[in-house]
Amino acid sequence: MTILSFQLRLKILYFHATPHGSFLLRLLSSALWTHNMLPYLL
């Protein structure tokens, strides 16, 4: 796990605790999933 992904996980946890967290969590998790799967899809 790189430092960038660790910071991203912290941001996801932080946004999850905010009122708008559910939307931002879905957005960030989908972006993270796309970023992780992109090398395999190409």
C-alpha atoms as a PDB file:
ATOM      1  CA  MET A   1       0.000   0.000   0.000  1.00  0.00           C
ATOM      2  CA  THR A   2       1.482   3.293  -1.080  1.00  0.00           C
ATOM      3  CA  ILE A   3       1.272   6.513   0.891  1.00  0.00           C
ATOM      4  CA  LEU A   4      -1.078   7.974  -1.711  1.00  0.00           C
ATOM      5  CA  SER A   5      -3.574   5.152  -1.342  1.00  0.00           C
ATOM      6  CA  PHE A   6      -3.277   5.430   2.439  1.00  0.00           C
ATOM      7  CA  GLN A   7      -4.136   9.138   2.300  1.00  0.00           C
ATOM      8  CA  LEU A   8      -7.001   8.312  -0.042  1.00  0.00           C
ATOM      9  CA  ARG A   9      -8.359   5.791   2.461  1.00  0.00           C
ATOM     10  CA  LEU A  10      -8.153   8.429   5.197  1.00  0.00           C
ATOM     11  CA  LYS A  11     -10.070  10.869   3.005  1.00  0.00           C
ATOM     12  CA  ILE A  12     -12.706   8.221   2.306  1.00  0.00           C
ATOM     13  CA  LEU A  13     -13.078   7.570   6.033  1.00  0.00           C
ATOM     14  CA  TYR A  14     -13.262  11.322   6.681  1.00  0.00           C
ATOM     15  CA  PHE A  15     -15.897  11.943   4.005  1.00  0.00           C
ATOM     16  CA  HIS A  16     -17.865   8.960   5.275  1.00  0.00           C
ATOM     17  CA  ALA A  17     -18.213  10.775   8.621  1.00  0.00           C
ATOM     18  CA  THR A  18     -19.589  13.939   7.008  1.00  0.00           C
ATOM     19  CA  PRO A  19     -23.252  14.600   6.125  1.00  0.00           C
ATOM     20  CA  HIS A  20     -22.514  14.333   2.394  1.00  0.00           C
ATOM     21  CA  GLY A  21     -20.242  11.357   3.013  1.00  0.00           C
ATOM     22  CA  SER A  22     -22.415   8.732   1.345  1.00  0.00           C
ATOM     23  CA  PHE A  23     -22.256  10.415  -2.074  1.00  0.00           C
ATOM     24  CA  LEU A  24     -18.570  11.289  -1.794  1.00  0.00           C
ATOM     25  CA  LEU A  25     -17.769   7.806  -0.542  1.00  0.00           C
ATOM     26  CA  ARG A  26     -19.407   6.227  -3.588  1.00  0.00           C
ATOM     27  CA  LEU A  27     -17.632   8.693  -5.872  1.00  0.00           C
ATOM     28  CA  LEU A  28     -14.210   8.134  -4.319  1.00  0.00           C
ATOM     29  CA  SER A  29     -14.594   4.376  -4.047  1.00  0.00           C
ATOM     30  CA  SER A  30     -15.638   4.100  -7.693  1.00  0.00           C
ATOM     31  CA  ALA A  31     -12.722   6.321  -8.723  1.00  0.00           C
ATOM     32  CA  LEU A  32     -10.332   4.241  -6.627  1.00  0.00           C
ATOM     33  CA  TRP A  33     -11.720   1.009  -8.099  1.00  0.00           C
ATOM     34  CA  THR A  34     -11.358   2.384 -11.638  1.00  0.00           C
ATOM     35  CA  HIS A  35      -7.790   3.506 -10.895  1.00  0.00           C
ATOM     36  CA  ASN A  36      -6.912   0.061  -9.528  1.00  0.00           C
ATOM     37  CA  MET A  37      -8.584  -1.873 -12.351  1.00  0.00           C
ATOM     38  CA  LEU A  38      -7.366   0.334 -15.215  1.00  0.00           C
ATOM     39  CA  PRO A  39      -4.021  -1.496 -15.720  1.00  0.00           C
ATOM     40  CA  TYR A  40      -5.883  -4.809 -15.988  1.00  0.00           C
ATOM     41  CA  LEU A  41      -8.494  -3.458 -18.396  1.00  0.00           C
ATOM     42  CA  LEU A  42      -5.966  -1.935 -20.802  1.00  0.00           C
END
